[in-house]
N, C-alpha and C. Protein backbone atom coordinates (compact mmCIF):
# COMPACT_ATOMS: atom_id res chain seq x y z
N UNK A 1 0.83 -1.19 0.00
CA UNK A 1 0.00 0.00 0.00
C UNK A 1 0.87 1.25 0.00
N UNK A 2 0.33 2.30 -0.54
CA UNK A 2 1.00 3.58 -0.60
C UNK A 2 0.32 4.50 0.41
N UNK A 3 1.01 5.56 0.79
CA UNK A 3 0.46 6.47 1.80
C UNK A 3 -0.88 7.04 1.35
N UNK A 4 -1.69 7.38 2.31
CA UNK A 4 -3.01 7.94 2.02
C UNK A 4 -2.90 9.40 1.65
N UNK A 5 -3.78 9.84 0.75
CA UNK A 5 -3.82 11.25 0.36
C UNK A 5 -4.38 12.10 1.48
N UNK A 6 -5.46 11.64 2.10
CA UNK A 6 -6.16 12.44 3.09
C UNK A 6 -6.08 11.87 4.49
N UNK A 7 -5.33 10.81 4.66
CA UNK A 7 -5.19 10.19 5.95
C UNK A 7 -6.31 9.22 6.29
N UNK A 8 -7.37 9.17 5.48
CA UNK A 8 -8.50 8.31 5.76
C UNK A 8 -8.46 7.01 4.96
N UNK A 9 -8.28 7.13 3.69
CA UNK A 9 -8.34 5.98 2.80
C UNK A 9 -6.95 5.73 2.22
N UNK A 10 -6.43 4.51 2.35
CA UNK A 10 -5.10 4.24 1.79
C UNK A 10 -5.11 4.37 0.27
N UNK A 11 -4.04 4.90 -0.26
CA UNK A 11 -3.90 5.05 -1.71
C UNK A 11 -3.44 3.72 -2.28
N UNK A 12 -4.24 3.16 -3.18
CA UNK A 12 -3.88 1.90 -3.84
C UNK A 12 -3.83 2.16 -5.34
N UNK A 13 -2.66 1.98 -5.92
CA UNK A 13 -2.40 2.36 -7.31
C UNK A 13 -2.31 1.13 -8.21
N UNK A 14 -2.99 1.20 -9.34
CA UNK A 14 -2.83 0.23 -10.41
C UNK A 14 -1.93 0.89 -11.45
N UNK A 15 -0.82 0.25 -11.79
CA UNK A 15 0.11 0.78 -12.78
C UNK A 15 0.02 -0.09 -14.03
N UNK A 16 -0.27 0.53 -15.16
CA UNK A 16 -0.36 -0.16 -16.44
C UNK A 16 0.79 0.34 -17.31
N UNK A 17 1.55 -0.58 -17.88
CA UNK A 17 2.66 -0.17 -18.74
C UNK A 17 2.61 -0.91 -20.06
N UNK A 18 2.92 -0.20 -21.12
CA UNK A 18 3.02 -0.82 -22.44
C UNK A 18 4.43 -0.68 -23.00
N UNK A 19 5.36 -0.18 -22.19
CA UNK A 19 6.73 -0.01 -22.67
C UNK A 19 6.77 1.02 -23.78
N UNK A 20 7.57 0.76 -24.80
CA UNK A 20 7.71 1.71 -25.90
C UNK A 20 6.77 1.39 -27.05
N UNK A 21 5.99 0.34 -26.92
CA UNK A 21 5.16 -0.11 -28.03
C UNK A 21 3.86 0.68 -28.15
N UNK A 22 3.15 0.43 -29.22
CA UNK A 22 1.79 0.93 -29.41
C UNK A 22 0.86 -0.20 -29.00
N UNK A 23 0.09 0.00 -27.95
CA UNK A 23 -0.86 -1.01 -27.50
C UNK A 23 -2.14 -0.30 -27.09
N UNK A 24 -2.74 0.42 -28.06
CA UNK A 24 -3.95 1.19 -27.80
C UNK A 24 -5.08 0.32 -27.26
N UNK A 25 -5.13 -0.92 -27.68
CA UNK A 25 -6.22 -1.79 -27.24
C UNK A 25 -6.20 -1.97 -25.72
N UNK A 26 -5.01 -2.13 -25.15
CA UNK A 26 -4.91 -2.25 -23.70
C UNK A 26 -5.29 -0.94 -23.02
N UNK A 27 -4.77 0.17 -23.54
CA UNK A 27 -5.06 1.48 -22.93
C UNK A 27 -6.56 1.78 -23.00
N UNK A 28 -7.20 1.49 -24.13
CA UNK A 28 -8.65 1.69 -24.26
C UNK A 28 -9.41 0.81 -23.27
N UNK A 29 -8.95 -0.42 -23.10
CA UNK A 29 -9.63 -1.34 -22.19
C UNK A 29 -9.58 -0.85 -20.76
N UNK A 30 -8.41 -0.40 -20.30
CA UNK A 30 -8.32 0.06 -18.91
C UNK A 30 -9.01 1.41 -18.72
N UNK A 31 -9.33 2.09 -19.82
CA UNK A 31 -10.02 3.38 -19.74
C UNK A 31 -11.54 3.23 -19.76
N UNK A 32 -12.05 2.02 -19.85
CA UNK A 32 -13.50 1.84 -19.86
C UNK A 32 -14.07 2.05 -18.46
N UNK A 33 -15.28 2.57 -18.41
CA UNK A 33 -15.93 2.80 -17.12
C UNK A 33 -16.14 1.49 -16.37
N UNK A 34 -16.47 0.44 -17.10
CA UNK A 34 -16.68 -0.87 -16.49
C UNK A 34 -15.43 -1.34 -15.74
N UNK A 35 -14.28 -1.22 -16.36
CA UNK A 35 -13.05 -1.65 -15.71
C UNK A 35 -12.70 -0.74 -14.53
N UNK A 36 -12.87 0.57 -14.72
CA UNK A 36 -12.57 1.50 -13.62
C UNK A 36 -13.49 1.25 -12.42
N UNK A 37 -14.76 0.97 -12.70
CA UNK A 37 -15.69 0.67 -11.60
C UNK A 37 -15.28 -0.60 -10.86
N UNK A 38 -14.81 -1.60 -11.60
CA UNK A 38 -14.37 -2.85 -10.97
C UNK A 38 -13.14 -2.61 -10.10
N UNK A 39 -12.21 -1.79 -10.58
CA UNK A 39 -11.03 -1.47 -9.77
C UNK A 39 -11.44 -0.76 -8.48
N UNK A 40 -12.38 0.18 -8.59
CA UNK A 40 -12.90 0.86 -7.39
C UNK A 40 -13.53 -0.13 -6.42
N UNK A 41 -14.34 -1.04 -6.95
CA UNK A 41 -14.98 -2.05 -6.10
C UNK A 41 -13.94 -2.90 -5.36
N UNK A 42 -12.80 -3.08 -5.97
CA UNK A 42 -11.73 -3.88 -5.37
C UNK A 42 -10.82 -3.06 -4.47
N UNK A 43 -11.16 -1.79 -4.27
CA UNK A 43 -10.42 -0.96 -3.33
C UNK A 43 -9.28 -0.15 -3.90
N UNK A 44 -9.12 -0.17 -5.22
CA UNK A 44 -8.07 0.64 -5.83
C UNK A 44 -8.55 2.08 -5.95
N UNK A 45 -7.63 3.02 -5.80
CA UNK A 45 -8.00 4.43 -5.81
C UNK A 45 -7.42 5.20 -7.00
N UNK A 46 -6.33 4.70 -7.57
CA UNK A 46 -5.63 5.42 -8.64
C UNK A 46 -5.24 4.46 -9.76
N UNK A 47 -5.31 4.97 -10.98
CA UNK A 47 -4.88 4.23 -12.16
C UNK A 47 -3.85 5.09 -12.87
N UNK A 48 -2.64 4.59 -12.99
CA UNK A 48 -1.55 5.31 -13.66
C UNK A 48 -1.14 4.50 -14.88
N UNK A 49 -1.23 5.12 -16.04
CA UNK A 49 -0.96 4.43 -17.30
C UNK A 49 0.28 5.02 -17.95
N UNK A 50 1.27 4.18 -18.17
CA UNK A 50 2.47 4.58 -18.91
C UNK A 50 2.23 4.19 -20.36
N UNK A 51 2.23 5.16 -21.23
CA UNK A 51 1.88 4.92 -22.63
C UNK A 51 3.11 4.91 -23.51
N UNK A 52 3.04 4.16 -24.56
CA UNK A 52 4.12 4.10 -25.54
C UNK A 52 3.82 5.00 -26.72
N UNK A 53 3.83 4.41 -27.91
CA UNK A 53 3.64 5.17 -29.15
C UNK A 53 2.19 5.20 -29.61
N UNK A 54 1.27 4.86 -28.77
CA UNK A 54 -0.13 4.80 -29.16
C UNK A 54 -0.72 6.17 -29.46
N UNK A 55 -1.90 6.14 -30.08
CA UNK A 55 -2.58 7.39 -30.43
C UNK A 55 -3.81 7.64 -29.55
N UNK A 56 -4.20 6.66 -28.76
CA UNK A 56 -5.36 6.81 -27.88
C UNK A 56 -4.91 7.37 -26.54
N UNK A 57 -5.59 8.43 -26.10
CA UNK A 57 -5.26 9.02 -24.81
C UNK A 57 -6.44 8.84 -23.86
N UNK A 58 -6.21 8.25 -22.69
CA UNK A 58 -7.30 8.00 -21.75
C UNK A 58 -7.81 9.30 -21.14
N UNK A 59 -8.96 9.19 -20.51
CA UNK A 59 -9.58 10.32 -19.85
C UNK A 59 -8.96 10.49 -18.46
N UNK A 60 -8.39 11.67 -18.22
CA UNK A 60 -7.81 11.94 -16.90
C UNK A 60 -8.92 12.27 -15.91
N UNK A 61 -8.67 11.93 -14.65
CA UNK A 61 -9.63 12.22 -13.59
C UNK A 61 -8.87 12.41 -12.29
N UNK A 62 -9.25 13.43 -11.54
CA UNK A 62 -8.61 13.67 -10.24
C UNK A 62 -9.16 12.74 -9.17
N UNK A 63 -10.32 12.16 -9.42
CA UNK A 63 -10.93 11.26 -8.45
C UNK A 63 -11.59 11.98 -7.28
N UNK A 64 -11.75 13.29 -7.40
CA UNK A 64 -12.33 14.08 -6.30
C UNK A 64 -13.78 13.71 -6.00
N UNK A 65 -14.48 13.20 -6.99
CA UNK A 65 -15.90 12.87 -6.82
C UNK A 65 -16.12 11.43 -6.38
N UNK A 66 -15.08 10.79 -5.88
CA UNK A 66 -15.20 9.41 -5.45
C UNK A 66 -14.91 8.41 -6.54
N UNK A 67 -14.63 8.91 -7.74
CA UNK A 67 -14.30 8.02 -8.84
C UNK A 67 -12.81 7.65 -8.76
N UNK A 68 -12.41 6.76 -9.62
CA UNK A 68 -11.01 6.35 -9.70
C UNK A 68 -10.19 7.51 -10.27
N UNK A 69 -9.11 7.88 -9.62
CA UNK A 69 -8.21 8.90 -10.16
C UNK A 69 -7.42 8.27 -11.30
N UNK A 70 -7.37 8.94 -12.45
CA UNK A 70 -6.69 8.40 -13.63
C UNK A 70 -5.70 9.42 -14.13
N UNK A 71 -4.47 8.98 -14.35
CA UNK A 71 -3.45 9.83 -14.94
C UNK A 71 -2.61 8.98 -15.88
N UNK A 72 -1.91 9.62 -16.78
CA UNK A 72 -1.04 8.89 -17.69
C UNK A 72 0.16 9.74 -18.03
N UNK A 73 1.18 9.07 -18.51
CA UNK A 73 2.33 9.77 -19.04
C UNK A 73 2.82 8.99 -20.25
N UNK A 74 3.36 9.72 -21.21
CA UNK A 74 3.86 9.06 -22.41
C UNK A 74 5.33 8.76 -22.24
N UNK A 75 5.75 7.75 -22.92
CA UNK A 75 7.15 7.33 -22.84
C UNK A 75 7.74 7.41 -24.23
N UNK A 76 8.84 8.10 -24.35
CA UNK A 76 9.55 8.14 -25.61
C UNK A 76 11.03 8.25 -25.35
N UNK A 77 11.78 7.30 -25.86
CA UNK A 77 13.23 7.35 -25.72
C UNK A 77 13.84 8.40 -26.62
N UNK A 78 13.08 8.88 -27.60
CA UNK A 78 13.61 9.85 -28.56
C UNK A 78 14.13 11.11 -27.85
N UNK A 79 13.47 11.51 -26.79
CA UNK A 79 13.85 12.73 -26.09
C UNK A 79 15.05 12.53 -25.17
N UNK A 80 15.44 11.29 -24.95
CA UNK A 80 16.51 10.99 -24.00
C UNK A 80 17.88 11.25 -24.60
N UNK A 81 18.79 11.71 -23.76
CA UNK A 81 20.19 11.83 -24.15
C UNK A 81 20.97 10.59 -23.76
N UNK A 82 20.47 9.89 -22.76
CA UNK A 82 21.04 8.63 -22.28
C UNK A 82 19.88 7.79 -21.78
N UNK A 83 19.89 6.51 -22.11
CA UNK A 83 18.86 5.59 -21.63
C UNK A 83 19.51 4.57 -20.71
N UNK A 84 18.95 4.42 -19.52
CA UNK A 84 19.34 3.36 -18.59
C UNK A 84 18.15 2.42 -18.55
N UNK A 85 18.38 1.16 -18.90
CA UNK A 85 17.28 0.23 -19.08
C UNK A 85 17.55 -1.10 -18.42
N UNK A 86 16.47 -1.85 -18.21
CA UNK A 86 16.63 -3.25 -17.83
C UNK A 86 17.12 -3.98 -19.08
N UNK A 87 17.38 -5.26 -18.97
CA UNK A 87 18.04 -5.99 -20.06
C UNK A 87 17.07 -6.72 -20.99
N UNK A 88 15.82 -6.27 -21.05
CA UNK A 88 14.87 -6.90 -21.97
C UNK A 88 15.23 -6.60 -23.42
N UNK A 89 15.14 -7.60 -24.26
CA UNK A 89 15.57 -7.44 -25.65
C UNK A 89 14.78 -6.36 -26.38
N UNK A 90 13.48 -6.24 -26.12
CA UNK A 90 12.68 -5.21 -26.78
C UNK A 90 13.18 -3.82 -26.46
N UNK A 91 13.45 -3.56 -25.19
CA UNK A 91 13.96 -2.25 -24.77
C UNK A 91 15.33 -1.98 -25.36
N UNK A 92 16.18 -3.00 -25.36
CA UNK A 92 17.53 -2.83 -25.90
C UNK A 92 17.48 -2.47 -27.38
N UNK A 93 16.79 -3.27 -28.17
CA UNK A 93 16.79 -3.05 -29.62
C UNK A 93 16.06 -1.78 -30.01
N UNK A 94 15.02 -1.42 -29.29
CA UNK A 94 14.31 -0.16 -29.54
C UNK A 94 15.26 1.02 -29.36
N UNK A 95 16.03 1.00 -28.29
CA UNK A 95 16.95 2.10 -28.00
C UNK A 95 18.10 2.13 -29.00
N UNK A 96 18.63 0.97 -29.34
CA UNK A 96 19.72 0.91 -30.31
C UNK A 96 19.27 1.44 -31.67
N UNK A 97 18.03 1.15 -32.07
CA UNK A 97 17.51 1.66 -33.34
C UNK A 97 17.46 3.18 -33.34
N UNK A 98 17.24 3.77 -32.18
CA UNK A 98 17.19 5.23 -32.08
C UNK A 98 18.58 5.85 -32.04
N UNK A 99 19.61 5.03 -31.87
CA UNK A 99 20.97 5.54 -31.83
C UNK A 99 21.32 6.26 -30.54
N UNK A 100 20.62 5.95 -29.47
CA UNK A 100 20.87 6.60 -28.17
C UNK A 100 21.90 5.82 -27.38
N UNK A 101 22.75 6.52 -26.62
CA UNK A 101 23.65 5.80 -25.71
C UNK A 101 22.81 5.01 -24.71
N UNK A 102 23.24 3.80 -24.43
CA UNK A 102 22.42 2.89 -23.63
C UNK A 102 23.27 2.17 -22.59
N UNK A 103 22.80 2.24 -21.36
CA UNK A 103 23.37 1.42 -20.28
C UNK A 103 22.29 0.41 -19.92
N UNK A 104 22.64 -0.85 -20.03
CA UNK A 104 21.72 -1.92 -19.67
C UNK A 104 22.12 -2.43 -18.30
N UNK A 105 21.18 -2.42 -17.37
CA UNK A 105 21.42 -2.90 -16.01
C UNK A 105 20.78 -4.27 -15.88
N UNK A 106 21.63 -5.26 -15.65
CA UNK A 106 21.18 -6.65 -15.58
C UNK A 106 20.55 -6.92 -14.22
N UNK A 107 19.42 -7.58 -14.25
CA UNK A 107 18.75 -8.00 -13.01
C UNK A 107 19.32 -9.35 -12.60
N UNK A 108 20.21 -9.32 -11.65
CA UNK A 108 20.90 -10.54 -11.23
C UNK A 108 20.01 -11.49 -10.45
N UNK A 109 18.83 -11.03 -10.07
CA UNK A 109 17.92 -11.88 -9.30
C UNK A 109 17.14 -12.85 -10.18
N UNK A 110 17.21 -12.66 -11.49
CA UNK A 110 16.49 -13.56 -12.39
C UNK A 110 17.22 -14.88 -12.51
N UNK A 111 16.46 -15.95 -12.51
CA UNK A 111 17.04 -17.27 -12.74
C UNK A 111 17.17 -17.45 -14.25
N UNK A 112 18.10 -18.29 -14.68
CA UNK A 112 18.31 -18.54 -16.10
C UNK A 112 18.40 -17.21 -16.84
N UNK A 113 19.39 -16.42 -16.48
CA UNK A 113 19.46 -15.03 -16.91
C UNK A 113 19.98 -14.88 -18.34
N UNK A 114 19.12 -15.17 -19.31
CA UNK A 114 19.49 -14.99 -20.71
C UNK A 114 19.67 -13.51 -21.05
N UNK A 115 19.01 -12.64 -20.29
CA UNK A 115 19.16 -11.20 -20.52
C UNK A 115 20.60 -10.77 -20.29
N UNK A 116 21.24 -11.36 -19.30
CA UNK A 116 22.63 -11.05 -19.01
C UNK A 116 23.52 -11.41 -20.19
N UNK A 117 23.28 -12.56 -20.78
CA UNK A 117 24.08 -13.00 -21.93
C UNK A 117 23.94 -12.03 -23.09
N UNK A 118 22.73 -11.60 -23.38
CA UNK A 118 22.49 -10.65 -24.46
C UNK A 118 23.19 -9.33 -24.19
N UNK A 119 23.01 -8.79 -23.00
CA UNK A 119 23.62 -7.50 -22.65
C UNK A 119 25.14 -7.57 -22.71
N UNK A 120 25.71 -8.62 -22.16
CA UNK A 120 27.17 -8.74 -22.15
C UNK A 120 27.73 -8.89 -23.57
N UNK A 121 27.05 -9.64 -24.41
CA UNK A 121 27.50 -9.81 -25.80
C UNK A 121 27.45 -8.48 -26.56
N UNK A 122 26.36 -7.73 -26.40
CA UNK A 122 26.24 -6.45 -27.08
C UNK A 122 27.22 -5.42 -26.53
N UNK A 123 27.53 -5.51 -25.25
CA UNK A 123 28.53 -4.61 -24.66
C UNK A 123 29.92 -4.94 -25.21
N UNK A 124 30.20 -6.23 -25.33
CA UNK A 124 31.49 -6.66 -25.88
C UNK A 124 31.67 -6.14 -27.31
N UNK A 125 30.57 -6.05 -28.04
CA UNK A 125 30.61 -5.55 -29.42
C UNK A 125 30.50 -4.03 -29.48
N UNK A 126 30.52 -3.38 -28.32
CA UNK A 126 30.52 -1.91 -28.19
C UNK A 126 29.21 -1.25 -28.65
N UNK A 127 28.09 -1.98 -28.57
CA UNK A 127 26.79 -1.39 -28.92
C UNK A 127 26.15 -0.69 -27.73
N UNK A 128 26.54 -1.09 -26.53
CA UNK A 128 25.96 -0.54 -25.32
C UNK A 128 26.91 -0.75 -24.16
N UNK A 129 26.56 -0.19 -23.02
CA UNK A 129 27.30 -0.42 -21.78
C UNK A 129 26.48 -1.39 -20.94
N UNK A 130 27.14 -2.28 -20.26
CA UNK A 130 26.45 -3.25 -19.42
C UNK A 130 26.87 -3.02 -17.98
N UNK A 131 25.90 -3.00 -17.07
CA UNK A 131 26.19 -2.75 -15.66
C UNK A 131 25.33 -3.66 -14.79
N UNK A 132 25.68 -3.68 -13.55
CA UNK A 132 24.87 -4.30 -12.50
C UNK A 132 24.45 -3.14 -11.60
N UNK A 133 23.43 -3.31 -10.78
CA UNK A 133 23.03 -2.18 -9.92
C UNK A 133 24.21 -1.61 -9.12
N UNK A 134 25.06 -2.48 -8.61
CA UNK A 134 26.18 -2.01 -7.79
C UNK A 134 27.31 -1.37 -8.60
N UNK A 135 27.30 -1.53 -9.94
CA UNK A 135 28.37 -0.94 -10.76
C UNK A 135 27.86 0.20 -11.64
N UNK A 136 26.59 0.54 -11.54
CA UNK A 136 26.02 1.56 -12.42
C UNK A 136 26.74 2.89 -12.29
N UNK A 137 27.02 3.33 -11.08
CA UNK A 137 27.71 4.61 -10.88
C UNK A 137 29.05 4.61 -11.61
N UNK A 138 29.82 3.56 -11.45
CA UNK A 138 31.14 3.47 -12.09
C UNK A 138 31.01 3.38 -13.61
N UNK A 139 30.00 2.69 -14.09
CA UNK A 139 29.79 2.59 -15.53
C UNK A 139 29.54 3.97 -16.13
N UNK A 140 28.73 4.76 -15.46
CA UNK A 140 28.47 6.12 -15.94
C UNK A 140 29.76 6.94 -15.90
N UNK A 141 30.52 6.81 -14.83
CA UNK A 141 31.78 7.56 -14.70
C UNK A 141 32.78 7.17 -15.77
N UNK A 142 32.74 5.92 -16.22
CA UNK A 142 33.72 5.42 -17.20
C UNK A 142 33.29 5.62 -18.65
N UNK A 143 32.08 6.12 -18.88
CA UNK A 143 31.61 6.28 -20.26
C UNK A 143 32.49 7.27 -21.01
N UNK A 144 32.72 6.98 -22.29
CA UNK A 144 33.51 7.92 -23.10
C UNK A 144 32.63 8.69 -24.04
């Protein structure tokens, strides 16, 4: 749970993410009144949608009238001067296509960490920088 806005009702947030992709169908679905009403019935108070390249924009709501508070933000790597990302192949290749400097931080807690292999291979080929959470600071300091 997250802290309460007014001290009475705990703030419970639903976070929806589509990464960098276009997934208007998902965004439209979570923006339906039926789904928002169900989230409210289940005790959720806020819906935060991270949008990719889609063209559908959900209806914002402050939730002041007892409805679900809805907000969204768009995601675009194009505006970034440096991207620090997890090691998912979709995120890696999307950023490389944009020609942005990229630091990939490997999640060492994953079992069968194929993401680590991909990140390390691409770093060896000088396409990106590869770091672990504990080495991220030094990786940034060592960038040329």
